[in-house]
């Protein structure tokens, strides 16, 4: 079996597995997704997967496409089960993300566009980081750990290595790993 295909398949299974504990914990009332973050992540992961497929990422884009579907599902659930702790900071992040998205759609340079997607993703993650810092028990750490791992494996599944195909999923690995580390440390001190 082609090693890239193997890593692509494994990353897809891990991406699917990452959603399950989060959805389970939503229905148990233990996890409260932040609607702004999940909206932004849904949009960005759709754009990111499309850009990766377009630039020849192949198997390496599969997990991101699956993650986009999972993010959309959680976004839908966040209306009923999400956090009610929405701050002005969160709104500012959403507005900044939307403005940056508008700029993204006007760009003709795919490299700059992917760099902008990374920035938007970080802005979209900030409300969840803030919520996770203040209320670490409202997040399912395993989801972010598995998602980060799926993105890490996705790097090995890429069939074309360029900044366009690697930058976004590499940044997803780093933000997920940072979030998991922060949540673990906060839960110890909470």
C-alpha atoms as a PDB file:
ATOM      1  CA  UNK A   1       0.000   0.000   0.000  1.00  0.00           C
ATOM      2  CA  UNK A   2       1.168   3.490  -0.826  1.00  0.00           C
ATOM      3  CA  UNK A   3       2.340   5.112   2.475  1.00  0.00           C
ATOM      4  CA  UNK A   4       0.610   8.390   1.579  1.00  0.00           C
ATOM      5  CA  UNK A   5      -2.668   6.554   1.054  1.00  0.00           C
ATOM      6  CA  UNK A   6      -2.149   4.772   4.386  1.00  0.00           C
ATOM      7  CA  UNK A   7      -1.586   8.068   6.243  1.00  0.00           C
ATOM      8  CA  UNK A   8      -4.575   9.590   4.424  1.00  0.00           C
ATOM      9  CA  UNK A   9      -6.873   6.749   5.502  1.00  0.00           C
ATOM     10  CA  UNK A  10      -5.599   6.759   9.095  1.00  0.00           C
ATOM     11  CA  UNK A  11      -5.962  10.542   9.321  1.00  0.00           C
ATOM     12  CA  UNK A  12      -9.573  10.264   8.117  1.00  0.00           C
ATOM     13  CA  UNK A  13     -10.416   7.660  10.778  1.00  0.00           C
ATOM     14  CA  UNK A  14      -8.802   9.801  13.462  1.00  0.00           C
ATOM     15  CA  UNK A  15     -10.654  12.891  12.194  1.00  0.00           C
ATOM     16  CA  UNK A  16     -13.944  10.977  12.467  1.00  0.00           C
ATOM     17  CA  UNK A  17     -12.971   9.644  15.903  1.00  0.00           C
ATOM     18  CA  UNK A  18     -12.146  13.177  17.091  1.00  0.00           C
ATOM     19  CA  UNK A  19     -15.752  14.317  16.614  1.00  0.00           C
ATOM     20  CA  UNK A  20     -17.381  11.463  18.538  1.00  0.00           C
ATOM     21  CA  UNK A  21     -16.288  12.370  22.106  1.00  0.00           C
ATOM     22  CA  UNK A  22     -17.108  16.038  21.511  1.00  0.00           C
ATOM     23  CA  UNK A  23     -20.634  15.312  20.311  1.00  0.00           C
ATOM     24  CA  UNK A  24     -21.104  12.789  23.140  1.00  0.00           C
ATOM     25  CA  UNK A  25     -20.008  15.387  25.708  1.00  0.00           C
ATOM     26  CA  UNK A  26     -22.275  18.021  24.164  1.00  0.00           C
ATOM     27  CA  UNK A  27     -25.283  15.776  24.776  1.00  0.00           C
ATOM     28  CA  UNK A  28     -24.058  14.963  28.288  1.00  0.00           C
ATOM     29  CA  UNK A  29     -23.902  18.690  29.023  1.00  0.00           C
ATOM     30  CA  UNK A  30     -20.154  18.547  29.709  1.00  0.00           C
ATOM     31  CA  UNK A  31     -18.982  20.411  26.604  1.00  0.00           C
ATOM     32  CA  UNK A  32     -20.339  23.724  25.465  1.00  0.00           C
ATOM     33  CA  UNK A  33     -19.109  24.673  21.984  1.00  0.00           C
ATOM     34  CA  UNK A  34     -18.533  28.311  21.105  1.00  0.00           C
ATOM     35  CA  UNK A  35     -20.768  29.116  18.127  1.00  0.00           C
ATOM     36  CA  UNK A  36     -18.419  31.758  16.684  1.00  0.00           C
ATOM     37  CA  UNK A  37     -15.399  29.466  16.628  1.00  0.00           C
ATOM     38  CA  UNK A  38     -17.276  26.549  15.083  1.00  0.00           C
ATOM     39  CA  UNK A  39     -18.799  28.778  12.389  1.00  0.00           C
ATOM     40  CA  UNK A  40     -15.401  30.167  11.451  1.00  0.00           C
ATOM     41  CA  UNK A  41     -13.772  26.720  11.515  1.00  0.00           C
ATOM     42  CA  UNK A  42     -16.479  25.273   9.284  1.00  0.00           C
ATOM     43  CA  UNK A  43     -15.998  27.955   6.659  1.00  0.00           C
ATOM     44  CA  UNK A  44     -12.202  27.835   6.837  1.00  0.00           C
ATOM     45  CA  UNK A  45     -11.953  24.070   6.698  1.00  0.00           C
ATOM     46  CA  UNK A  46     -14.159  23.999   3.614  1.00  0.00           C
ATOM     47  CA  UNK A  47     -11.949  26.644   1.999  1.00  0.00           C
ATOM     48  CA  UNK A  48      -8.772  24.925   3.211  1.00  0.00           C
ATOM     49  CA  UNK A  49      -9.791  21.505   1.908  1.00  0.00           C
ATOM     50  CA  UNK A  50     -10.823  22.995  -1.430  1.00  0.00           C
ATOM     51  CA  UNK A  51      -7.496  24.846  -1.743  1.00  0.00           C
ATOM     52  CA  UNK A  52      -5.579  21.706  -0.841  1.00  0.00           C
ATOM     53  CA  UNK A  53      -7.420  19.575  -3.375  1.00  0.00           C
ATOM     54  CA  UNK A  54      -6.875  22.282  -5.966  1.00  0.00           C
ATOM     55  CA  UNK A  55      -3.113  22.396  -5.246  1.00  0.00           C
ATOM     56  CA  UNK A  56      -2.729  18.627  -5.470  1.00  0.00           C
ATOM     57  CA  UNK A  57      -2.703  17.680  -1.777  1.00  0.00           C
ATOM     58  CA  UNK A  58      -4.619  14.503  -2.584  1.00  0.00           C
ATOM     59  CA  UNK A  59      -4.912  12.121   0.359  1.00  0.00           C
ATOM     60  CA  UNK A  60      -3.568  14.812   2.673  1.00  0.00           C
ATOM     61  CA  UNK A  61      -6.750  16.870   2.242  1.00  0.00           C
ATOM     62  CA  UNK A  62      -9.138  14.074   3.169  1.00  0.00           C
ATOM     63  CA  UNK A  63      -8.989  14.579   6.938  1.00  0.00           C
ATOM     64  CA  UNK A  64      -9.546  18.317   6.571  1.00  0.00           C
ATOM     65  CA  UNK A  65     -12.637  17.672   4.439  1.00  0.00           C
ATOM     66  CA  UNK A  66     -13.986  15.300   7.113  1.00  0.00           C
ATOM     67  CA  UNK A  67     -13.149  17.853   9.822  1.00  0.00           C
ATOM     68  CA  UNK A  68     -15.177  20.459   7.909  1.00  0.00           C
ATOM     69  CA  UNK A  69     -18.231  18.188   8.066  1.00  0.00           C
ATOM     70  CA  UNK A  70     -17.668  17.564  11.777  1.00  0.00           C
ATOM     71  CA  UNK A  71     -17.234  21.285  12.452  1.00  0.00           C
ATOM     72  CA  UNK A  72     -20.487  22.014  10.662  1.00  0.00           C
ATOM     73  CA  UNK A  73     -22.284  19.424  12.793  1.00  0.00           C
ATOM     74  CA  UNK A  74     -20.905  20.940  15.997  1.00  0.00           C
ATOM     75  CA  UNK A  75     -21.750  24.444  14.751  1.00  0.00           C
ATOM     76  CA  UNK A  76     -25.378  23.345  14.365  1.00  0.00           C
ATOM     77  CA  UNK A  77     -25.378  21.807  17.864  1.00  0.00           C
ATOM     78  CA  UNK A  78     -23.817  24.961  19.349  1.00  0.00           C
ATOM     79  CA  UNK A  79     -27.034  26.920  18.837  1.00  0.00           C
ATOM     80  CA  UNK A  80     -28.851  24.773  21.380  1.00  0.00           C
ATOM     81  CA  UNK A  81     -26.019  23.357  23.490  1.00  0.00           C
ATOM     82  CA  UNK A  82     -23.276  25.964  23.132  1.00  0.00           C
ATOM     83  CA  UNK A  83     -21.846  28.380  25.649  1.00  0.00           C
ATOM     84  CA  UNK A  84     -23.837  31.424  26.571  1.00  0.00           C
ATOM     85  CA  UNK A  85     -20.618  33.101  27.719  1.00  0.00           C
ATOM     86  CA  UNK A  86     -20.197  35.308  24.618  1.00  0.00           C
ATOM     87  CA  UNK A  87     -18.106  38.425  25.260  1.00  0.00           C
ATOM     88  CA  UNK A  88     -17.254  41.590  23.352  1.00  0.00           C
ATOM     89  CA  UNK A  89     -13.837  40.063  22.733  1.00  0.00           C
ATOM     90  CA  UNK A  90     -15.551  37.090  21.045  1.00  0.00           C
ATOM     91  CA  UNK A  91     -17.634  39.429  18.904  1.00  0.00           C
ATOM     92  CA  UNK A  92     -14.524  41.399  17.933  1.00  0.00           C
ATOM     93  CA  UNK A  93     -12.829  38.125  16.876  1.00  0.00           C
ATOM     94  CA  UNK A  94     -15.861  37.167  14.789  1.00  0.00           C
ATOM     95  CA  UNK A  95     -15.971  40.576  13.102  1.00  0.00           C
ATOM     96  CA  UNK A  96     -12.214  40.498  12.440  1.00  0.00           C
ATOM     97  CA  UNK A  97     -12.544  36.996  11.019  1.00  0.00           C
ATOM     98  CA  UNK A  98     -15.397  38.064   8.739  1.00  0.00           C
ATOM     99  CA  UNK A  99     -13.478  41.112   7.495  1.00  0.00           C
ATOM    100  CA  UNK A 100     -10.445  38.930   6.854  1.00  0.00           C
ATOM    101  CA  UNK A 101     -12.656  36.417   5.015  1.00  0.00           C
ATOM    102  CA  UNK A 102     -13.906  39.186   2.743  1.00  0.00           C
ATOM    103  CA  UNK A 103     -10.290  40.138   1.999  1.00  0.00           C
ATOM    104  CA  UNK A 104      -9.503  36.440   1.412  1.00  0.00           C
ATOM    105  CA  UNK A 105     -12.182  36.111  -1.278  1.00  0.00           C
ATOM    106  CA  UNK A 106     -10.752  39.128  -3.073  1.00  0.00           C
ATOM    107  CA  UNK A 107      -7.238  37.712  -3.278  1.00  0.00           C
ATOM    108  CA  UNK A 108      -5.806  36.194  -6.431  1.00  0.00           C
ATOM    109  CA  UNK A 109      -2.625  34.901  -4.804  1.00  0.00           C
ATOM    110  CA  UNK A 110      -3.220  31.414  -3.315  1.00  0.00           C
ATOM    111  CA  UNK A 111      -0.204  31.608  -0.988  1.00  0.00           C
ATOM    112  CA  UNK A 112      -1.339  34.891   0.550  1.00  0.00           C
ATOM    113  CA  UNK A 113      -4.864  33.540   0.708  1.00  0.00           C
ATOM    114  CA  UNK A 114      -3.748  30.468   2.693  1.00  0.00           C
ATOM    115  CA  UNK A 115      -1.691  32.696   5.005  1.00  0.00           C
ATOM    116  CA  UNK A 116      -4.827  34.735   5.567  1.00  0.00           C
ATOM    117  CA  UNK A 117      -6.811  31.546   6.287  1.00  0.00           C
ATOM    118  CA  UNK A 118      -4.260  30.684   8.989  1.00  0.00           C
ATOM    119  CA  UNK A 119      -4.730  34.131  10.531  1.00  0.00           C
ATOM    120  CA  UNK A 120      -8.521  33.862  10.349  1.00  0.00           C
ATOM    121  CA  UNK A 121      -8.370  30.416  11.961  1.00  0.00           C
ATOM    122  CA  UNK A 122      -6.308  31.787  14.819  1.00  0.00           C
ATOM    123  CA  UNK A 123      -8.750  34.670  15.284  1.00  0.00           C
ATOM    124  CA  UNK A 124     -11.599  32.160  15.207  1.00  0.00           C
ATOM    125  CA  UNK A 125      -9.862  30.021  17.820  1.00  0.00           C
ATOM    126  CA  UNK A 126      -9.371  32.914  20.254  1.00  0.00           C
ATOM    127  CA  UNK A 127     -12.953  32.832  21.658  1.00  0.00           C
ATOM    128  CA  UNK A 128     -12.571  29.113  22.369  1.00  0.00           C
ATOM    129  CA  UNK A 129      -9.119  29.695  23.884  1.00  0.00           C
ATOM    130  CA  UNK A 130     -10.625  32.392  26.111  1.00  0.00           C
ATOM    131  CA  UNK A 131     -13.522  30.168  27.113  1.00  0.00           C
ATOM    132  CA  UNK A 132     -11.200  27.217  27.657  1.00  0.00           C
ATOM    133  CA  UNK A 133      -8.974  29.331  29.894  1.00  0.00           C
ATOM    134  CA  UNK A 134     -11.922  30.564  31.954  1.00  0.00           C
ATOM    135  CA  UNK A 135     -13.936  27.315  31.908  1.00  0.00           C
ATOM    136  CA  UNK A 136     -11.578  24.429  31.050  1.00  0.00           C
ATOM    137  CA  UNK A 137     -14.141  21.840  32.072  1.00  0.00           C
ATOM    138  CA  UNK A 138     -16.414  22.913  29.186  1.00  0.00           C
ATOM    139  CA  UNK A 139     -14.107  21.478  26.521  1.00  0.00           C
ATOM    140  CA  UNK A 140     -13.424  17.913  25.404  1.00  0.00           C
ATOM    141  CA  UNK A 141      -9.644  17.759  25.272  1.00  0.00           C
ATOM    142  CA  UNK A 142      -9.521  14.462  23.391  1.00  0.00           C
ATOM    143  CA  UNK A 143     -11.281  16.010  20.395  1.00  0.00           C
ATOM    144  CA  UNK A 144      -8.605  18.649  19.961  1.00  0.00           C
ATOM    145  CA  UNK A 145      -5.814  16.133  20.594  1.00  0.00           C
ATOM    146  CA  UNK A 146      -7.206  13.713  18.008  1.00  0.00           C
ATOM    147  CA  UNK A 147      -7.880  16.505  15.537  1.00  0.00           C
ATOM    148  CA  UNK A 148      -4.330  17.776  15.907  1.00  0.00           C
ATOM    149  CA  UNK A 149      -3.009  14.247  15.437  1.00  0.00           C
ATOM    150  CA  UNK A 150      -5.162  13.778  12.318  1.00  0.00           C
ATOM    151  CA  UNK A 151      -3.703  17.004  10.904  1.00  0.00           C
ATOM    152  CA  UNK A 152      -0.183  15.866  11.783  1.00  0.00           C
ATOM    153  CA  UNK A 153      -0.738  12.576   9.940  1.00  0.00           C
ATOM    154  CA  UNK A 154      -2.336  14.503   7.090  1.00  0.00           C
ATOM    155  CA  UNK A 155       1.025  16.174   6.523  1.00  0.00           C
ATOM    156  CA  UNK A 156       2.518  12.745   5.763  1.00  0.00           C
ATOM    157  CA  UNK A 157      -0.346  11.970   3.365  1.00  0.00           C
ATOM    158  CA  UNK A 158       0.196  15.029   1.200  1.00  0.00           C
ATOM    159  CA  UNK A 159       0.926  14.174  -2.388  1.00  0.00           C
ATOM    160  CA  UNK A 160       2.251  17.639  -3.158  1.00  0.00           C
ATOM    161  CA  UNK A 161       4.326  19.561  -0.614  1.00  0.00           C
ATOM    162  CA  UNK A 162       4.002  23.317  -0.983  1.00  0.00           C
ATOM    163  CA  UNK A 163       3.371  26.130   1.457  1.00  0.00           C
ATOM    164  CA  UNK A 164      -0.204  26.131   0.182  1.00  0.00           C
ATOM    165  CA  UNK A 165      -0.778  22.458   1.067  1.00  0.00           C
ATOM    166  CA  UNK A 166       1.188  22.386   4.334  1.00  0.00           C
ATOM    167  CA  UNK A 167       0.715  25.753   6.029  1.00  0.00           C
ATOM    168  CA  UNK A 168      -2.935  25.464   7.052  1.00  0.00           C
ATOM    169  CA  UNK A 169      -2.923  21.879   8.319  1.00  0.00           C
ATOM    170  CA  UNK A 170       0.408  22.538  10.031  1.00  0.00           C
ATOM    171  CA  UNK A 171      -1.123  25.526  11.798  1.00  0.00           C
ATOM    172  CA  UNK A 172      -4.153  23.418  12.771  1.00  0.00           C
ATOM    173  CA  UNK A 173      -1.813  20.900  14.374  1.00  0.00           C
ATOM    174  CA  UNK A 174      -0.048  23.684  16.322  1.00  0.00           C
ATOM    175  CA  UNK A 175      -3.220  25.449  17.504  1.00  0.00           C
ATOM    176  CA  UNK A 176      -4.838  22.176  18.581  1.00  0.00           C
ATOM    177  CA  UNK A 177      -1.675  21.075  20.408  1.00  0.00           C
ATOM    178  CA  UNK A 178      -1.433  24.477  22.135  1.00  0.00           C
ATOM    179  CA  UNK A 179      -5.076  24.352  23.160  1.00  0.00           C
ATOM    180  CA  UNK A 180      -4.777  20.814  24.528  1.00  0.00           C
ATOM    181  CA  UNK A 181      -1.693  21.793  26.525  1.00  0.00           C
ATOM    182  CA  UNK A 182      -3.440  24.869  27.933  1.00  0.00           C
ATOM    183  CA  UNK A 183      -6.589  22.916  28.871  1.00  0.00           C
ATOM    184  CA  UNK A 184      -4.590  20.169  30.613  1.00  0.00           C
ATOM    185  CA  UNK A 185      -2.625  22.737  32.613  1.00  0.00           C
ATOM    186  CA  UNK A 186      -5.775  24.725  33.486  1.00  0.00           C
ATOM    187  CA  UNK A 187      -7.695  21.619  34.581  1.00  0.00           C
ATOM    188  CA  UNK A 188      -4.842  20.797  36.955  1.00  0.00           C
ATOM    189  CA  UNK A 189      -5.057  24.285  38.474  1.00  0.00           C
ATOM    190  CA  UNK A 190      -8.824  24.762  38.277  1.00  0.00           C
END
